[in-house]
Structures are given as C-alpha cells and as structure tokens.
Amino acid sequence: MCWSRAFYCGQTRTGTAGGEGLITQKTHNQWKQLTCCHQTKIFCKEPSDAVGKFLLRQKKQSICVLINVITGHNALNKHLYQIGVTDSPMCDFCNKPESSFHFVAECDKYTSQRSQYLGSPKLTNQDFCDILNKGKDFLTFIKKSNRFNLYSFNQEKPKIPS
C-alpha cells in the first residue's frame, strides 16, 4: 500500500495547466514527510518530472523490473531472505548483503556492465541517487546484467513444456 501511494518519481499529472511545475511543492513535502518507502527513497530523493516521463515511455515489463529494483521487492537475496525464500541475504558472488544498492552500485560481478552503461565500475552514494536520471542506460544495465532471469525482456514468453 505504501508503494502505490508514495512512488512520486512517476507523478506527472499535477501542477499548472501550462505544463510547468508538474510536480508541486505539496508533492515534494508529502514525499519528504513519508516514513515508509526507505528503499525507494534511496533511488528517488525527490519527485522528478523527467523520471516520471521516462517511466511512462517504457513497456510494462520494463517498468515492472525497474520498480522491482527501485523498491527492493525483487529476486535479490536480501529481499528473498526477508520473505523466507532463501537461507541467506548474501550475494552469491561477493558475500555481501545483496540489496538493490549492492547490485546496482558495488557488486564486482557487474563491474564491466556498470562501466559500460553507467559510466563507472563502482557507484558512489551520490551516483546511486542520480541513477534514475540515466533512465535508458540504467534499464540497459539491468537487462545486460542477466541478474533477473525473466522473460519480460524478451519478445515472447518462454515455451512451457506440455
């Protein structure tokens, strides 16, 4: 419930009729006052028209994976451990807690993809906070990492044996 009412990064339908100031001061204040959505707030420090417009231009499957990474509700070990699916929250590659931050900013397994698509082998906290401004490059990094073994990036669903 918190996520659905608080993901202001994608809010694009407020503000003046002339199109300027789509995200109002009220929206900024509401976002700052929220006590939930900690993971999302790491990625999205404040509401952004540009991020909202980027998200709205994506295919549904891409939006889903982006939201999963941004909110931390995904197939990374930290979340899977929290919901009782795995025995450990640790990354299988470098034995650190495998959170969205770890995956996007610091895991050694994705150094080359991170360098190629995000411009640096490791990301600082500030780089990480600005990651949504990289839009398409961020999405490409997620796809090329092959960390999320989903059919959602393919044109067709996988064939299910009968």
N, C-alpha and C. Protein backbone atom coordinates (compact mmCIF):
# COMPACT_ATOMS: atom_id res chain seq x y z
N MET A 1 0.82 -1.19 0.00
CA MET A 1 0.00 0.00 0.00
C MET A 1 0.86 1.25 0.00
N CYS A 2 1.92 1.23 0.78
CA CYS A 2 2.80 2.39 0.85
C CYS A 2 3.37 2.71 -0.53
N TRP A 3 3.86 1.68 -1.24
CA TRP A 3 4.47 1.92 -2.53
C TRP A 3 3.50 2.58 -3.49
N SER A 4 2.28 2.08 -3.57
CA SER A 4 1.35 2.58 -4.57
C SER A 4 0.97 4.04 -4.35
N ARG A 5 0.96 4.48 -3.11
CA ARG A 5 0.58 5.88 -2.88
C ARG A 5 1.79 6.80 -2.79
N ALA A 6 2.98 6.21 -2.77
CA ALA A 6 4.14 7.05 -2.50
C ALA A 6 5.18 7.10 -3.60
N PHE A 7 5.02 6.39 -4.69
CA PHE A 7 6.05 6.40 -5.70
C PHE A 7 5.91 7.65 -6.56
N TYR A 8 6.29 8.77 -5.99
CA TYR A 8 6.12 10.06 -6.63
C TYR A 8 7.10 10.31 -7.76
N CYS A 9 8.09 9.46 -7.92
CA CYS A 9 9.02 9.65 -9.03
C CYS A 9 8.26 9.69 -10.35
N GLY A 10 7.17 8.95 -10.41
CA GLY A 10 6.41 8.86 -11.65
C GLY A 10 5.23 9.80 -11.73
N GLN A 11 5.03 10.64 -10.74
CA GLN A 11 3.87 11.52 -10.76
C GLN A 11 4.05 12.59 -11.83
N THR A 12 3.10 12.69 -12.75
CA THR A 12 3.23 13.67 -13.84
C THR A 12 1.95 14.45 -14.08
N ARG A 13 0.94 14.29 -13.27
CA ARG A 13 -0.33 14.93 -13.58
C ARG A 13 -0.76 15.97 -12.55
N THR A 14 0.17 16.66 -11.97
CA THR A 14 -0.17 17.74 -11.06
C THR A 14 0.47 19.03 -11.56
N GLY A 15 0.15 20.12 -10.94
CA GLY A 15 0.80 21.38 -11.29
C GLY A 15 -0.08 22.27 -12.14
N THR A 16 0.55 23.16 -12.84
CA THR A 16 -0.18 24.19 -13.58
C THR A 16 -0.67 23.68 -14.93
N ALA A 17 -1.67 24.31 -15.46
CA ALA A 17 -2.25 23.92 -16.74
C ALA A 17 -1.26 24.14 -17.88
N GLY A 18 -0.33 25.05 -17.73
CA GLY A 18 0.64 25.34 -18.77
C GLY A 18 1.73 24.30 -18.89
N GLY A 19 1.74 23.29 -18.03
CA GLY A 19 2.72 22.22 -18.14
C GLY A 19 3.96 22.44 -17.30
N GLU A 20 4.17 23.64 -16.80
CA GLU A 20 5.35 23.88 -15.97
C GLU A 20 5.02 23.52 -14.53
N GLY A 21 6.01 23.10 -13.81
CA GLY A 21 5.81 22.76 -12.41
C GLY A 21 4.86 21.59 -12.23
N LEU A 22 5.03 20.54 -13.04
CA LEU A 22 4.12 19.40 -12.96
C LEU A 22 4.12 18.78 -11.58
N ILE A 23 5.26 18.79 -10.94
CA ILE A 23 5.33 18.27 -9.58
C ILE A 23 5.34 19.47 -8.65
N THR A 24 4.34 19.52 -7.81
CA THR A 24 4.14 20.69 -6.97
C THR A 24 4.95 20.62 -5.69
N GLN A 25 5.01 21.74 -5.02
CA GLN A 25 5.68 21.80 -3.72
C GLN A 25 4.98 20.87 -2.73
N LYS A 26 3.67 20.76 -2.86
CA LYS A 26 2.92 19.85 -1.98
C LYS A 26 3.43 18.41 -2.14
N THR A 27 3.67 18.01 -3.39
CA THR A 27 4.18 16.67 -3.66
C THR A 27 5.54 16.49 -3.01
N HIS A 28 6.42 17.48 -3.15
CA HIS A 28 7.75 17.42 -2.52
C HIS A 28 7.61 17.26 -1.01
N ASN A 29 6.75 18.03 -0.41
CA ASN A 29 6.57 17.97 1.04
C ASN A 29 6.02 16.61 1.48
N GLN A 30 5.05 16.08 0.73
CA GLN A 30 4.49 14.77 1.06
C GLN A 30 5.57 13.69 0.99
N TRP A 31 6.40 13.75 -0.03
CA TRP A 31 7.47 12.77 -0.21
C TRP A 31 8.45 12.84 0.96
N LYS A 32 8.84 14.04 1.36
CA LYS A 32 9.80 14.20 2.46
C LYS A 32 9.22 13.72 3.79
N GLN A 33 7.93 13.85 3.97
CA GLN A 33 7.30 13.50 5.25
C GLN A 33 7.00 12.02 5.39
N LEU A 34 7.03 11.27 4.30
CA LEU A 34 6.73 9.84 4.39
C LEU A 34 7.76 9.14 5.27
N THR A 35 7.29 8.25 6.10
CA THR A 35 8.20 7.48 6.94
C THR A 35 8.41 6.07 6.40
N CYS A 36 7.77 5.76 5.30
CA CYS A 36 7.93 4.44 4.68
C CYS A 36 8.74 4.61 3.39
N CYS A 37 8.81 3.57 2.61
CA CYS A 37 9.45 3.60 1.29
C CYS A 37 10.95 3.91 1.35
N HIS A 38 11.63 3.35 2.35
CA HIS A 38 13.06 3.65 2.54
C HIS A 38 13.89 3.29 1.31
N GLN A 39 13.67 2.10 0.75
CA GLN A 39 14.43 1.67 -0.42
C GLN A 39 14.18 2.61 -1.60
N THR A 40 12.94 2.95 -1.85
CA THR A 40 12.61 3.82 -2.97
C THR A 40 13.25 5.20 -2.79
N LYS A 41 13.29 5.67 -1.56
CA LYS A 41 13.87 7.00 -1.30
C LYS A 41 15.37 7.03 -1.53
N ILE A 42 16.03 5.87 -1.52
CA ILE A 42 17.45 5.83 -1.85
C ILE A 42 17.64 6.19 -3.32
N PHE A 43 16.77 5.65 -4.17
CA PHE A 43 16.84 5.92 -5.60
C PHE A 43 16.24 7.28 -5.95
N CYS A 44 15.21 7.66 -5.27
CA CYS A 44 14.41 8.82 -5.66
C CYS A 44 14.36 9.80 -4.50
N LYS A 45 15.37 10.65 -4.41
CA LYS A 45 15.46 11.60 -3.30
C LYS A 45 14.33 12.61 -3.30
N GLU A 46 13.87 12.95 -4.49
CA GLU A 46 12.76 13.90 -4.61
C GLU A 46 11.98 13.60 -5.88
N PRO A 47 10.75 14.03 -5.96
CA PRO A 47 9.95 13.80 -7.17
C PRO A 47 10.61 14.42 -8.40
N SER A 48 10.43 13.77 -9.53
CA SER A 48 11.09 14.22 -10.76
C SER A 48 10.18 14.06 -11.96
N ASP A 49 9.90 15.15 -12.65
CA ASP A 49 9.13 15.09 -13.89
C ASP A 49 9.84 14.22 -14.93
N ALA A 50 11.16 14.39 -15.04
CA ALA A 50 11.92 13.65 -16.06
C ALA A 50 11.83 12.15 -15.83
N VAL A 51 11.95 11.72 -14.58
CA VAL A 51 11.87 10.29 -14.28
C VAL A 51 10.47 9.78 -14.57
N GLY A 52 9.47 10.53 -14.18
CA GLY A 52 8.09 10.13 -14.45
C GLY A 52 7.84 9.96 -15.93
N LYS A 53 8.31 10.91 -16.73
CA LYS A 53 8.11 10.85 -18.18
C LYS A 53 8.87 9.66 -18.77
N PHE A 54 10.09 9.40 -18.26
CA PHE A 54 10.85 8.25 -18.73
C PHE A 54 10.09 6.95 -18.45
N LEU A 55 9.59 6.80 -17.23
CA LEU A 55 8.86 5.58 -16.87
C LEU A 55 7.63 5.38 -17.75
N LEU A 56 6.93 6.46 -18.02
CA LEU A 56 5.71 6.36 -18.83
C LEU A 56 5.97 5.96 -20.28
N ARG A 57 7.20 6.14 -20.75
CA ARG A 57 7.55 5.78 -22.13
C ARG A 57 7.99 4.31 -22.26
N GLN A 58 8.12 3.61 -21.15
CA GLN A 58 8.63 2.24 -21.17
C GLN A 58 7.52 1.21 -21.34
N LYS A 59 7.92 0.03 -21.80
CA LYS A 59 7.00 -1.09 -21.87
C LYS A 59 6.67 -1.55 -20.46
N LYS A 60 5.52 -2.16 -20.31
CA LYS A 60 5.06 -2.59 -19.00
C LYS A 60 6.08 -3.50 -18.31
N GLN A 61 6.69 -4.42 -19.05
CA GLN A 61 7.65 -5.35 -18.47
C GLN A 61 8.89 -4.61 -17.94
N SER A 62 9.33 -3.60 -18.66
CA SER A 62 10.49 -2.82 -18.23
C SER A 62 10.17 -2.02 -16.99
N ILE A 63 8.98 -1.44 -16.95
CA ILE A 63 8.56 -0.68 -15.77
C ILE A 63 8.53 -1.61 -14.56
N CYS A 64 8.02 -2.81 -14.74
CA CYS A 64 7.93 -3.77 -13.65
C CYS A 64 9.31 -4.07 -13.05
N VAL A 65 10.28 -4.35 -13.91
CA VAL A 65 11.62 -4.67 -13.42
C VAL A 65 12.26 -3.44 -12.77
N LEU A 66 12.09 -2.28 -13.37
CA LEU A 66 12.63 -1.05 -12.77
C LEU A 66 12.03 -0.82 -11.38
N ILE A 67 10.73 -0.96 -11.26
CA ILE A 67 10.07 -0.76 -9.97
C ILE A 67 10.55 -1.80 -8.96
N ASN A 68 10.72 -3.05 -9.41
CA ASN A 68 11.23 -4.09 -8.51
C ASN A 68 12.60 -3.71 -7.95
N VAL A 69 13.48 -3.23 -8.81
CA VAL A 69 14.83 -2.84 -8.35
C VAL A 69 14.75 -1.61 -7.46
N ILE A 70 13.97 -0.62 -7.87
CA ILE A 70 13.88 0.62 -7.10
C ILE A 70 13.28 0.40 -5.71
N THR A 71 12.25 -0.42 -5.63
CA THR A 71 11.59 -0.62 -4.33
C THR A 71 12.26 -1.68 -3.47
N GLY A 72 13.13 -2.49 -4.08
CA GLY A 72 13.79 -3.56 -3.34
C GLY A 72 12.96 -4.82 -3.24
N HIS A 73 11.79 -4.84 -3.86
CA HIS A 73 10.93 -6.03 -3.87
C HIS A 73 11.25 -6.79 -5.15
N ASN A 74 12.26 -7.64 -5.07
CA ASN A 74 12.79 -8.28 -6.27
C ASN A 74 13.40 -9.63 -5.94
N ALA A 75 14.07 -10.21 -6.92
CA ALA A 75 14.65 -11.54 -6.76
C ALA A 75 16.10 -11.49 -6.28
N LEU A 76 16.49 -10.42 -5.60
CA LEU A 76 17.81 -10.35 -4.99
C LEU A 76 17.75 -11.01 -3.61
N ASN A 77 18.87 -11.57 -3.18
CA ASN A 77 18.87 -12.38 -1.97
C ASN A 77 18.41 -11.67 -0.71
N LYS A 78 18.68 -10.39 -0.58
CA LYS A 78 18.25 -9.69 0.64
C LYS A 78 16.72 -9.75 0.79
N HIS A 79 16.02 -9.44 -0.28
CA HIS A 79 14.56 -9.48 -0.22
C HIS A 79 14.06 -10.92 -0.08
N LEU A 80 14.64 -11.83 -0.83
CA LEU A 80 14.22 -13.23 -0.74
C LEU A 80 14.42 -13.78 0.67
N TYR A 81 15.50 -13.38 1.32
CA TYR A 81 15.75 -13.79 2.70
C TYR A 81 14.69 -13.20 3.64
N GLN A 82 14.36 -11.94 3.44
CA GLN A 82 13.37 -11.27 4.29
C GLN A 82 12.00 -11.92 4.21
N ILE A 83 11.67 -12.48 3.06
CA ILE A 83 10.36 -13.13 2.92
C ILE A 83 10.43 -14.65 3.09
N GLY A 84 11.60 -15.14 3.51
CA GLY A 84 11.74 -16.55 3.84
C GLY A 84 11.95 -17.50 2.69
N VAL A 85 12.41 -17.01 1.55
CA VAL A 85 12.60 -17.87 0.37
C VAL A 85 14.02 -18.44 0.32
N THR A 86 15.02 -17.69 0.79
CA THR A 86 16.40 -18.17 0.80
C THR A 86 16.92 -18.24 2.23
N ASP A 87 18.03 -18.94 2.39
CA ASP A 87 18.63 -19.10 3.71
C ASP A 87 19.59 -17.98 4.07
N SER A 88 19.95 -17.15 3.10
CA SER A 88 20.94 -16.10 3.36
C SER A 88 20.65 -14.87 2.51
N PRO A 89 20.89 -13.68 3.09
CA PRO A 89 20.72 -12.45 2.31
C PRO A 89 21.97 -12.09 1.50
N MET A 90 22.99 -12.92 1.58
CA MET A 90 24.29 -12.58 0.99
C MET A 90 24.34 -12.83 -0.51
N CYS A 91 25.10 -12.00 -1.19
CA CYS A 91 25.36 -12.14 -2.62
C CYS A 91 26.16 -13.42 -2.84
N ASP A 92 25.76 -14.21 -3.82
CA ASP A 92 26.46 -15.45 -4.12
C ASP A 92 27.85 -15.21 -4.67
N PHE A 93 28.11 -14.02 -5.20
CA PHE A 93 29.40 -13.73 -5.84
C PHE A 93 30.41 -13.13 -4.87
N CYS A 94 29.99 -12.16 -4.03
CA CYS A 94 30.98 -11.47 -3.19
C CYS A 94 30.64 -11.49 -1.70
N ASN A 95 29.64 -12.24 -1.32
CA ASN A 95 29.31 -12.47 0.09
C ASN A 95 29.05 -11.20 0.90
N LYS A 96 28.39 -10.24 0.28
CA LYS A 96 27.88 -9.04 0.98
C LYS A 96 26.36 -9.09 0.84
N PRO A 97 25.61 -8.41 1.72
CA PRO A 97 24.15 -8.42 1.57
C PRO A 97 23.74 -7.96 0.16
N GLU A 98 22.98 -8.79 -0.53
CA GLU A 98 22.61 -8.50 -1.91
C GLU A 98 21.32 -7.68 -1.97
N SER A 99 21.48 -6.37 -1.81
CA SER A 99 20.36 -5.43 -1.90
C SER A 99 20.39 -4.80 -3.29
N SER A 100 19.40 -3.99 -3.59
CA SER A 100 19.40 -3.27 -4.86
C SER A 100 20.63 -2.36 -4.95
N PHE A 101 20.99 -1.73 -3.85
CA PHE A 101 22.18 -0.87 -3.85
C PHE A 101 23.41 -1.69 -4.22
N HIS A 102 23.56 -2.85 -3.57
CA HIS A 102 24.72 -3.69 -3.84
C HIS A 102 24.75 -4.10 -5.31
N PHE A 103 23.63 -4.55 -5.82
CA PHE A 103 23.54 -4.98 -7.22
C PHE A 103 23.90 -3.84 -8.18
N VAL A 104 23.30 -2.69 -7.99
CA VAL A 104 23.50 -1.58 -8.93
C VAL A 104 24.83 -0.87 -8.73
N ALA A 105 25.28 -0.70 -7.49
CA ALA A 105 26.42 0.19 -7.23
C ALA A 105 27.75 -0.49 -6.98
N GLU A 106 27.77 -1.73 -6.45
CA GLU A 106 29.06 -2.20 -5.98
C GLU A 106 29.42 -3.66 -6.25
N CYS A 107 28.53 -4.50 -6.64
CA CYS A 107 28.85 -5.92 -6.83
C CYS A 107 29.91 -6.07 -7.92
N ASP A 108 30.98 -6.78 -7.58
CA ASP A 108 32.09 -6.97 -8.52
C ASP A 108 31.69 -7.76 -9.76
N LYS A 109 30.67 -8.57 -9.65
CA LYS A 109 30.23 -9.38 -10.79
C LYS A 109 29.76 -8.52 -11.96
N TYR A 110 29.25 -7.31 -11.67
CA TYR A 110 28.67 -6.45 -12.71
C TYR A 110 29.54 -5.24 -13.03
N THR A 111 30.83 -5.31 -12.72
CA THR A 111 31.73 -4.18 -12.93
C THR A 111 31.78 -3.75 -14.40
N SER A 112 31.91 -4.70 -15.31
CA SER A 112 32.05 -4.32 -16.72
C SER A 112 30.74 -3.73 -17.26
N GLN A 113 29.59 -4.32 -16.90
CA GLN A 113 28.31 -3.76 -17.35
C GLN A 113 28.09 -2.37 -16.75
N ARG A 114 28.47 -2.21 -15.48
CA ARG A 114 28.29 -0.92 -14.81
C ARG A 114 29.16 0.14 -15.48
N SER A 115 30.40 -0.22 -15.81
CA SER A 115 31.29 0.71 -16.50
C SER A 115 30.73 1.10 -17.86
N GLN A 116 30.28 0.09 -18.60
CA GLN A 116 29.79 0.34 -19.95
C GLN A 116 28.52 1.17 -19.98
N TYR A 117 27.56 0.87 -19.13
CA TYR A 117 26.24 1.51 -19.22
C TYR A 117 26.03 2.65 -18.24
N LEU A 118 26.73 2.62 -17.10
CA LEU A 118 26.51 3.66 -16.08
C LEU A 118 27.73 4.56 -15.89
N GLY A 119 28.83 4.25 -16.60
CA GLY A 119 29.96 5.15 -16.64
C GLY A 119 31.01 4.98 -15.57
N SER A 120 30.87 3.99 -14.69
CA SER A 120 31.86 3.79 -13.63
C SER A 120 31.77 2.35 -13.13
N PRO A 121 32.92 1.75 -12.78
CA PRO A 121 32.89 0.37 -12.28
C PRO A 121 32.20 0.24 -10.92
N LYS A 122 32.25 1.27 -10.13
CA LYS A 122 31.56 1.33 -8.83
C LYS A 122 30.86 2.68 -8.76
N LEU A 123 29.72 2.72 -8.09
CA LEU A 123 28.98 3.97 -7.96
C LEU A 123 29.05 4.46 -6.53
N THR A 124 29.22 5.76 -6.38
CA THR A 124 29.18 6.38 -5.05
C THR A 124 27.72 6.52 -4.62
N ASN A 125 27.50 6.90 -3.38
CA ASN A 125 26.13 7.14 -2.93
C ASN A 125 25.44 8.19 -3.78
N GLN A 126 26.17 9.25 -4.16
CA GLN A 126 25.57 10.31 -4.98
C GLN A 126 25.24 9.79 -6.38
N ASP A 127 26.18 9.01 -6.96
CA ASP A 127 25.91 8.41 -8.27
C ASP A 127 24.65 7.55 -8.21
N PHE A 128 24.55 6.78 -7.14
CA PHE A 128 23.41 5.89 -6.97
C PHE A 128 22.11 6.67 -6.89
N CYS A 129 22.13 7.78 -6.14
CA CYS A 129 20.94 8.61 -6.01
C CYS A 129 20.54 9.24 -7.34
N ASP A 130 21.49 9.44 -8.22
CA ASP A 130 21.21 10.06 -9.52
C ASP A 130 20.93 9.03 -10.61
N ILE A 131 20.91 7.76 -10.26
CA ILE A 131 20.81 6.70 -11.26
C ILE A 131 19.55 6.79 -12.11
N LEU A 132 18.45 7.22 -11.53
CA LEU A 132 17.21 7.30 -12.30
C LEU A 132 17.29 8.34 -13.41
N ASN A 133 18.20 9.31 -13.25
CA ASN A 133 18.38 10.31 -14.31
C ASN A 133 19.05 9.71 -15.54
N LYS A 134 19.66 8.53 -15.38
CA LYS A 134 20.30 7.86 -16.50
C LYS A 134 19.31 7.01 -17.28
N GLY A 135 18.08 6.91 -16.80
CA GLY A 135 16.98 6.26 -17.47
C GLY A 135 17.31 5.04 -18.30
N LYS A 136 17.46 5.25 -19.60
CA LYS A 136 17.66 4.14 -20.53
C LYS A 136 18.93 3.37 -20.22
N ASP A 137 20.00 4.05 -19.84
CA ASP A 137 21.25 3.36 -19.51
C ASP A 137 21.08 2.48 -18.27
N PHE A 138 20.31 2.94 -17.30
CA PHE A 138 20.02 2.16 -16.10
C PHE A 138 19.23 0.91 -16.47
N LEU A 139 18.23 1.06 -17.29
CA LEU A 139 17.43 -0.07 -17.74
C LEU A 139 18.29 -1.06 -18.53
N THR A 140 19.14 -0.56 -19.40
CA THR A 140 20.04 -1.43 -20.17
C THR A 140 20.98 -2.18 -19.24
N PHE A 141 21.53 -1.51 -18.23
CA PHE A 141 22.39 -2.18 -17.26
C PHE A 141 21.65 -3.35 -16.61
N ILE A 142 20.42 -3.11 -16.18
CA ILE A 142 19.65 -4.17 -15.53
C ILE A 142 19.45 -5.34 -16.50
N LYS A 143 19.09 -5.03 -17.74
CA LYS A 143 18.87 -6.09 -18.73
C LYS A 143 20.15 -6.87 -19.00
N LYS A 144 21.25 -6.16 -19.24
CA LYS A 144 22.51 -6.80 -19.61
C LYS A 144 23.16 -7.57 -18.46
N SER A 145 22.78 -7.26 -17.24
CA SER A 145 23.35 -7.98 -16.09
C SER A 145 22.87 -9.43 -16.07
N ASN A 146 21.73 -9.69 -16.68
CA ASN A 146 21.11 -11.01 -16.66
C ASN A 146 20.85 -11.51 -15.25
N ARG A 147 20.81 -10.61 -14.29
CA ARG A 147 20.56 -10.99 -12.90
C ARG A 147 19.10 -11.40 -12.69
N PHE A 148 18.22 -10.78 -13.41
CA PHE A 148 16.81 -11.09 -13.28
C PHE A 148 16.43 -11.98 -14.45
N ASN A 149 16.34 -13.26 -14.18
CA ASN A 149 16.08 -14.23 -15.22
C ASN A 149 14.58 -14.24 -15.52
N LEU A 150 14.16 -13.20 -16.20
CA LEU A 150 12.74 -13.02 -16.51
C LEU A 150 12.52 -13.05 -18.00
N TYR A 151 11.39 -13.54 -18.41
CA TYR A 151 11.03 -13.49 -19.82
C TYR A 151 10.61 -12.09 -20.21
N SER A 152 10.45 -11.20 -19.25
CA SER A 152 9.86 -9.90 -19.51
C SER A 152 10.64 -9.03 -20.50
N PHE A 153 11.94 -9.32 -20.68
CA PHE A 153 12.71 -8.52 -21.62
C PHE A 153 12.70 -9.12 -23.02
N ASN A 154 12.16 -10.31 -23.14
CA ASN A 154 12.09 -10.97 -24.45
C ASN A 154 10.79 -10.60 -25.14
N GLN A 155 10.74 -10.87 -26.41
CA GLN A 155 9.53 -10.58 -27.17
C GLN A 155 8.41 -11.55 -26.83
N GLU A 156 8.75 -12.80 -26.52
CA GLU A 156 7.73 -13.79 -26.23
C GLU A 156 7.97 -14.40 -24.86
N LYS A 157 6.93 -14.97 -24.32
CA LYS A 157 7.06 -15.73 -23.09
C LYS A 157 7.75 -17.04 -23.41
N PRO A 158 8.47 -17.63 -22.42
CA PRO A 158 9.12 -18.90 -22.70
C PRO A 158 8.09 -20.00 -22.95
N LYS A 159 8.48 -20.96 -23.73
CA LYS A 159 7.61 -22.11 -24.02
C LYS A 159 7.55 -23.00 -22.79
N ILE A 160 6.35 -23.34 -22.38
CA ILE A 160 6.17 -24.21 -21.25
C ILE A 160 5.94 -25.62 -21.78
N PRO A 161 6.82 -26.58 -21.37
CA PRO A 161 6.65 -27.95 -21.86
C PRO A 161 5.31 -28.53 -21.47
N SER A 162 4.72 -29.31 -22.37
CA SER A 162 3.42 -29.90 -22.05
C SER A 162 3.57 -31.30 -21.51
